[in-house]
């Protein structure tokens, strides 16, 4: 009798919860969940990766599983759905009509699940942060004081910053391996909150021994004979293409010398050892480096470098970033 009484009390308690504002929603969710018990989130990840890669072999390489194994898992998913999801050809795969409908309905599920876990979990004690190459120290200090509450002496989460190329940051954000990224804008990545923490005009940077170091003002003719030490696409997607295009429109079609600019010493060394090489940086980014000389570009509308903190829209980190941006006056973009 005691066990039966306890069971009745628990049932009544559950009914009271279901009778609340979310009662109908919970009932519907339970009903829907009964029909997808045998679905595996792994299969959704496999499906989404194949869609993004465009080929099963490319997706298998990204997922680090064998191609036959991935093909088998996709066929298992298609059997469960009851319809083919991909049209396969020698050029790769493309979605069927059913596949496009399936993608439209499920592509938000991983993000919603991640947001639900983040909402229920306690606030993290450490925020992992990816930092693209060439970010000035005072930008890192501003991000540190903003996100970790250092100005107010708060005991908020610590930031663990590490060098990660902008091209890799989106995937790491999606997988939860970093909470925030620091990148140059523009960056072609939807679904991100972006808060601008640095917005400065670019100028020409040369080594102190360079023939242009003593020339002011510079002209487009001076720069026409120079190669531009510049970011490769992987280091700064979007930005790496936008700035040279702006310069070309103003008269300097620079020959690019791609370079990984993560290490400042190698950046200075490249400018020192190559006589026809110049770089572009904001003035504040090179102040204090005795070997380098900064000169303004010969235009009233120079390209600008905008560094932004990013986080996934709808994530806990995204909510924190919006709040901090409003408090500190960072321009918030979505």
Protein backbone atom coordinates (compact mmCIF):
# COMPACT_ATOMS: atom_id res chain seq x y z
CA UNK A 1 0.00 0.00 0.00
CA UNK A 2 2.85 2.38 0.81
CA UNK A 3 4.49 1.79 -2.60
CA UNK A 4 1.15 2.34 -4.32
CA UNK A 5 0.64 5.60 -2.40
CA UNK A 6 4.09 6.86 -3.42
CA UNK A 7 3.40 5.97 -7.05
CA UNK A 8 0.08 7.87 -6.97
CA UNK A 9 1.78 10.91 -5.44
CA UNK A 10 4.47 10.88 -8.16
CA UNK A 11 1.84 10.55 -10.87
CA UNK A 12 -0.10 13.45 -9.41
CA UNK A 13 3.08 15.54 -9.27
CA UNK A 14 3.83 14.80 -12.93
CA UNK A 15 0.25 15.72 -13.85
CA UNK A 16 0.64 19.06 -12.06
CA UNK A 17 3.75 19.80 -14.12
CA UNK A 18 1.99 18.84 -17.34
CA UNK A 19 -0.98 21.01 -16.41
CA UNK A 20 1.30 24.05 -16.31
CA UNK A 21 1.96 26.49 -19.14
CA UNK A 22 4.14 23.98 -20.99
CA UNK A 23 1.96 20.94 -20.36
CA UNK A 24 0.64 20.57 -23.92
CA UNK A 25 4.11 21.07 -25.34
CA UNK A 26 5.57 18.34 -23.14
CA UNK A 27 2.78 15.93 -24.06
CA UNK A 28 3.37 16.55 -27.77
CA UNK A 29 7.14 16.17 -27.33
CA UNK A 30 6.70 12.84 -25.55
CA UNK A 31 4.45 11.60 -28.35
CA UNK A 32 6.88 12.70 -31.04
CA UNK A 33 9.83 11.18 -29.19
CA UNK A 34 8.15 7.76 -29.22
CA UNK A 35 8.46 7.70 -33.01
CA UNK A 36 12.17 8.61 -33.19
CA UNK A 37 13.61 6.39 -30.46
CA UNK A 38 15.80 4.59 -32.98
CA UNK A 39 17.26 7.75 -34.49
CA UNK A 40 20.90 8.46 -33.72
CA UNK A 41 22.23 12.04 -33.58
CA UNK A 42 25.35 10.66 -35.17
CA UNK A 43 23.38 9.96 -38.36
CA UNK A 44 22.22 13.57 -38.52
CA UNK A 45 25.81 14.73 -38.19
CA UNK A 46 26.86 12.35 -40.96
CA UNK A 47 24.04 13.58 -43.20
CA UNK A 48 24.87 17.27 -42.59
CA UNK A 49 28.58 16.67 -43.21
CA UNK A 50 27.91 14.98 -46.55
CA UNK A 51 25.66 17.89 -47.54
CA UNK A 52 28.39 20.39 -46.69
CA UNK A 53 31.25 18.42 -48.27
CA UNK A 54 29.36 17.57 -51.45
CA UNK A 55 31.01 14.16 -51.66
CA UNK A 56 30.92 11.08 -49.46
CA UNK A 57 34.71 10.74 -49.67
CA UNK A 58 35.24 14.35 -48.55
CA UNK A 59 32.79 13.92 -45.69
CA UNK A 60 34.44 10.64 -44.63
CA UNK A 61 37.82 12.34 -44.51
CA UNK A 62 36.40 15.19 -42.41
CA UNK A 63 34.66 12.75 -40.05
CA UNK A 64 37.74 10.50 -39.92
CA UNK A 65 35.84 7.34 -40.77
CA UNK A 66 36.12 5.09 -43.82
CA UNK A 67 34.11 5.90 -46.92
CA UNK A 68 32.35 2.47 -47.02
CA UNK A 69 31.34 2.88 -43.37
CA UNK A 70 29.91 6.35 -44.02
CA UNK A 71 28.03 5.13 -47.11
CA UNK A 72 26.53 2.32 -45.03
CA UNK A 73 25.39 4.76 -42.32
CA UNK A 74 23.79 7.06 -44.90
CA UNK A 75 21.92 4.12 -46.44
CA UNK A 76 20.73 3.11 -42.96
CA UNK A 77 19.42 6.64 -42.43
CA UNK A 78 17.63 6.55 -45.80
CA UNK A 79 15.97 3.25 -44.86
CA UNK A 80 14.80 4.76 -41.59
CA UNK A 81 13.44 7.86 -43.32
CA UNK A 82 11.87 5.72 -46.02
CA UNK A 83 13.15 7.75 -48.96
CA UNK A 84 16.45 8.37 -50.79
CA UNK A 85 18.16 11.53 -49.58
CA UNK A 86 20.97 11.83 -52.12
CA UNK A 87 21.48 11.41 -55.85
CA UNK A 88 24.94 9.92 -56.33
CA UNK A 89 27.10 10.55 -59.39
CA UNK A 90 30.75 10.53 -60.38
CA UNK A 91 30.94 14.23 -59.47
CA UNK A 92 29.65 13.71 -55.94
CA UNK A 93 26.18 13.86 -54.38
CA UNK A 94 23.23 16.20 -54.50
CA UNK A 95 20.06 16.24 -52.46
CA UNK A 96 16.85 14.70 -53.72
CA UNK A 97 13.58 16.58 -53.24
CA UNK A 98 13.04 14.51 -50.11
CA UNK A 99 16.61 15.19 -49.03
CA UNK A 100 16.09 18.94 -49.29
CA UNK A 101 12.90 18.68 -47.24
CA UNK A 102 14.71 16.56 -44.62
CA UNK A 103 17.58 19.07 -44.46
CA UNK A 104 15.20 21.99 -44.03
CA UNK A 105 13.54 20.36 -41.03
CA UNK A 106 16.54 18.90 -39.22
CA UNK A 107 19.37 21.38 -39.71
CA UNK A 108 18.40 23.36 -36.60
CA UNK A 109 18.21 20.29 -34.33
CA UNK A 110 21.92 20.12 -33.32
CA UNK A 111 21.91 23.82 -32.42
CA UNK A 112 18.68 23.52 -30.45
CA UNK A 113 20.01 20.53 -28.52
CA UNK A 114 23.28 22.32 -27.81
CA UNK A 115 21.34 25.38 -26.58
CA UNK A 116 19.17 23.19 -24.35
CA UNK A 117 22.22 21.55 -22.79
CA UNK A 118 23.89 24.94 -22.29
CA UNK A 119 20.75 26.37 -20.66
CA UNK A 120 20.53 23.49 -18.17
CA UNK A 121 24.25 23.22 -17.44
CA UNK A 122 26.02 25.42 -14.88
CA UNK A 123 28.00 28.34 -16.27
CA UNK A 124 31.46 27.17 -17.39
CA UNK A 125 34.48 28.15 -15.32
CA UNK A 126 36.67 28.44 -18.42
CA UNK A 127 35.74 29.91 -21.81
CA UNK A 128 37.98 28.57 -24.63
CA UNK A 129 38.68 31.38 -27.13
CA UNK A 130 40.13 31.02 -30.64
CA UNK A 131 42.36 33.91 -31.77
CA UNK A 132 43.27 34.56 -35.40
CA UNK A 133 46.78 35.69 -36.32
CA UNK A 134 48.10 39.21 -35.83
CA UNK A 135 45.68 40.37 -33.10
CA UNK A 136 47.21 43.22 -31.04
CA UNK A 137 47.75 42.67 -27.33
CA UNK A 138 45.44 45.52 -26.34
CA UNK A 139 42.56 43.87 -28.24
CA UNK A 140 43.12 40.69 -26.23
CA UNK A 141 43.18 42.77 -23.04
CA UNK A 142 39.86 44.42 -23.99
CA UNK A 143 38.26 41.05 -24.70
CA UNK A 144 39.65 39.66 -21.45
CA UNK A 145 38.32 42.52 -19.33
CA UNK A 146 34.95 42.42 -21.10
CA UNK A 147 34.19 38.71 -21.08
CA UNK A 148 35.86 37.82 -17.79
CA UNK A 149 34.86 40.94 -15.85
CA UNK A 150 38.39 41.91 -14.94
CA UNK A 151 37.66 45.65 -14.76
CA UNK A 152 35.12 45.22 -11.99
CA UNK A 153 37.15 42.67 -10.06
CA UNK A 154 34.53 40.03 -10.69
CA UNK A 155 35.29 36.34 -10.36
CA UNK A 156 33.79 35.36 -13.69
CA UNK A 157 34.94 32.53 -15.96
CA UNK A 158 38.56 32.51 -17.07
CA UNK A 159 39.43 32.84 -20.75
CA UNK A 160 41.77 30.27 -22.29
CA UNK A 161 43.01 31.82 -25.54
CA UNK A 162 44.84 29.91 -28.24
CA UNK A 163 45.86 30.59 -31.82
CA UNK A 164 43.30 29.22 -34.30
CA UNK A 165 42.89 30.32 -37.92
CA UNK A 166 39.59 32.05 -38.69
CA UNK A 167 38.71 29.39 -41.26
CA UNK A 168 38.77 26.70 -38.55
CA UNK A 169 36.97 28.64 -35.85
CA UNK A 170 33.41 28.16 -37.16
CA UNK A 171 33.66 24.36 -37.04
CA UNK A 172 35.14 24.48 -33.54
CA UNK A 173 32.34 26.82 -32.42
CA UNK A 174 29.75 24.43 -33.85
CA UNK A 175 31.32 21.46 -32.08
CA UNK A 176 31.56 23.33 -28.77
CA UNK A 177 35.37 23.15 -28.67
CA UNK A 178 35.64 26.94 -28.35
CA UNK A 179 33.05 29.34 -26.91
CA UNK A 180 34.27 32.51 -28.66
CA UNK A 181 36.43 33.39 -31.64
CA UNK A 182 38.35 36.55 -32.52
CA UNK A 183 38.41 37.17 -36.28
CA UNK A 184 38.76 39.87 -38.92
CA UNK A 185 35.61 41.06 -40.63
CA UNK A 186 34.07 40.37 -43.00
CA UNK A 187 33.88 36.63 -42.48
CA UNK A 188 31.45 34.51 -44.55
CA UNK A 189 29.86 32.57 -41.68
CA UNK A 190 26.11 32.71 -40.95
CA UNK A 191 24.69 32.02 -37.52
CA UNK A 192 27.22 34.10 -35.58
CA UNK A 193 26.93 37.00 -33.20
CA UNK A 194 29.74 39.45 -34.01
CA UNK A 195 30.85 42.23 -31.64
CA UNK A 196 33.42 44.66 -33.07
CA UNK A 197 36.17 45.48 -30.57
CA UNK A 198 38.69 47.11 -32.94
CA UNK A 199 38.07 49.32 -35.98
CA UNK A 200 41.14 51.08 -37.40
CA UNK A 201 42.25 52.38 -40.84
CA UNK A 202 44.99 50.40 -42.52
CA UNK A 203 48.32 51.93 -43.51
CA UNK A 204 51.51 50.78 -45.20
CA UNK A 205 54.11 49.06 -43.03
CA UNK A 206 57.73 48.75 -44.18
CA UNK A 207 60.99 47.86 -42.53
CA UNK A 208 63.10 50.80 -41.38
CA UNK A 209 65.69 49.97 -44.07
CA UNK A 210 63.12 49.89 -46.90
CA UNK A 211 63.51 52.56 -49.65
CA UNK A 212 59.97 53.83 -48.91
CA UNK A 213 60.60 54.23 -45.17
CA UNK A 214 61.73 57.85 -45.58
CA UNK A 215 59.21 58.84 -48.22
CA UNK A 216 56.08 60.75 -47.24
CA UNK A 217 53.47 61.04 -48.46
CA UNK A 218 53.35 57.79 -50.39
CA UNK A 219 51.70 57.65 -53.79
CA UNK A 220 49.99 54.83 -55.66
CA UNK A 221 52.94 54.95 -58.09
CA UNK A 222 55.31 54.24 -55.17
CA UNK A 223 53.26 51.19 -54.21
CA UNK A 224 52.81 49.89 -57.77
CA UNK A 225 56.30 48.33 -57.70
CA UNK A 226 55.78 46.66 -54.32
CA UNK A 227 54.45 43.23 -53.42
CA UNK A 228 52.00 43.01 -50.54
CA UNK A 229 52.73 40.71 -47.61
CA UNK A 230 49.22 39.48 -47.00
CA UNK A 231 47.02 36.92 -45.29
CA UNK A 232 46.20 33.74 -47.15
CA UNK A 233 42.56 32.74 -47.52
CA UNK A 234 42.75 30.23 -44.70
CA UNK A 235 44.01 32.82 -42.22
CA UNK A 236 41.37 35.46 -42.96
CA UNK A 237 38.49 34.28 -45.20
CA UNK A 238 36.51 37.22 -46.54
CA UNK A 239 38.95 39.85 -45.29
CA UNK A 240 41.82 38.43 -47.37
CA UNK A 241 39.84 39.09 -50.56
CA UNK A 242 37.96 42.27 -49.61
CA UNK A 243 40.92 44.55 -48.81
CA UNK A 244 42.95 43.86 -52.01
CA UNK A 245 39.76 44.44 -54.03
CA UNK A 246 39.26 47.81 -52.32
CA UNK A 247 42.87 48.76 -53.04
CA UNK A 248 42.55 47.72 -56.69
CA UNK A 249 39.48 49.94 -57.05
CA UNK A 250 41.58 52.89 -55.81
CA UNK A 251 44.55 52.26 -58.08
CA UNK A 252 46.85 49.63 -56.53
CA UNK A 253 46.50 46.14 -57.97
CA UNK A 254 48.94 44.60 -55.57
CA UNK A 255 50.77 41.35 -56.24
CA UNK A 256 50.09 39.34 -53.10
CA UNK A 257 52.74 37.49 -51.11
CA UNK A 258 50.64 35.13 -48.91
CA UNK A 259 52.01 34.61 -45.44
CA UNK A 260 50.92 33.05 -42.15
CA UNK A 261 51.02 36.10 -39.88
CA UNK A 262 50.64 34.30 -36.55
CA UNK A 263 54.26 34.94 -35.56
CA UNK A 264 55.29 38.59 -35.30
CA UNK A 265 59.02 37.81 -35.52
CA UNK A 266 58.59 36.10 -38.89
CA UNK A 267 56.43 39.01 -40.08
CA UNK A 268 59.22 41.48 -39.27
CA UNK A 269 61.85 39.16 -40.74
CA UNK A 270 60.00 38.88 -44.06
CA UNK A 271 59.82 42.69 -44.38
CA UNK A 272 63.49 43.04 -43.41
CA UNK A 273 64.85 40.54 -45.94
CA UNK A 274 62.75 41.42 -49.03
CA UNK A 275 63.33 44.84 -50.58
CA UNK A 276 60.09 45.07 -52.62
CA UNK A 277 57.75 43.89 -49.87
CA UNK A 278 55.31 45.99 -47.84
CA UNK A 279 52.47 45.11 -45.49
CA UNK A 280 49.21 46.65 -44.29
CA UNK A 281 48.43 47.15 -40.62
CA UNK A 282 46.67 49.74 -38.46
CA UNK A 283 49.10 52.24 -36.96
CA UNK A 284 48.42 51.15 -33.38
CA UNK A 285 49.26 47.54 -34.29
CA UNK A 286 52.92 48.36 -35.01
CA UNK A 287 53.60 51.11 -32.49
CA UNK A 288 56.52 50.16 -30.31
CA UNK A 289 58.17 47.96 -32.97
CA UNK A 290 61.37 49.89 -33.68
CA UNK A 291 62.21 48.01 -36.89
CA UNK A 292 58.95 48.97 -38.59
CA UNK A 293 57.73 52.24 -40.11
CA UNK A 294 54.05 53.09 -40.71
CA UNK A 295 52.85 55.36 -43.53
CA UNK A 296 49.25 56.30 -44.42
CA UNK A 297 47.79 55.06 -47.68
CA UNK A 298 47.36 57.75 -50.35
CA UNK A 299 43.57 57.95 -49.97
CA UNK A 300 40.99 59.60 -47.71
CA UNK A 301 39.05 56.32 -47.56
CA UNK A 302 41.56 53.60 -46.68
CA UNK A 303 40.39 50.04 -46.03
CA UNK A 304 39.84 49.31 -42.36
CA UNK A 305 40.71 46.42 -40.10
CA UNK A 306 37.79 45.37 -37.91
CA UNK A 307 38.39 42.70 -35.29
CA UNK A 308 35.34 41.08 -33.75
CA UNK A 309 34.53 38.60 -31.02
CA UNK A 310 32.17 35.93 -32.35
CA UNK A 311 29.91 33.33 -30.77
CA UNK A 312 27.12 31.10 -32.01
CA UNK A 313 23.70 32.68 -32.19
CA UNK A 314 21.42 31.11 -29.58
CA UNK A 315 24.26 29.74 -27.46
CA UNK A 316 25.01 30.71 -23.86
CA UNK A 317 28.21 32.37 -25.08
CA UNK A 318 26.20 34.29 -27.68
CA UNK A 319 23.94 35.66 -24.95
CA UNK A 320 26.96 36.66 -22.86
CA UNK A 321 28.55 38.37 -25.87
CA UNK A 322 25.40 40.42 -26.57
CA UNK A 323 25.23 41.56 -22.94
CA UNK A 324 28.93 42.48 -22.75
CA UNK A 325 28.76 44.30 -26.10
CA UNK A 326 25.88 46.44 -24.83
CA UNK A 327 27.73 47.20 -21.58
CA UNK A 328 31.05 48.13 -23.23
CA UNK A 329 29.77 49.81 -26.38
CA UNK A 330 31.03 47.17 -28.81
CA UNK A 331 29.12 47.32 -32.09
CA UNK A 332 27.08 44.11 -32.20
CA UNK A 333 26.30 42.56 -35.61
CA UNK A 334 24.17 39.50 -36.34
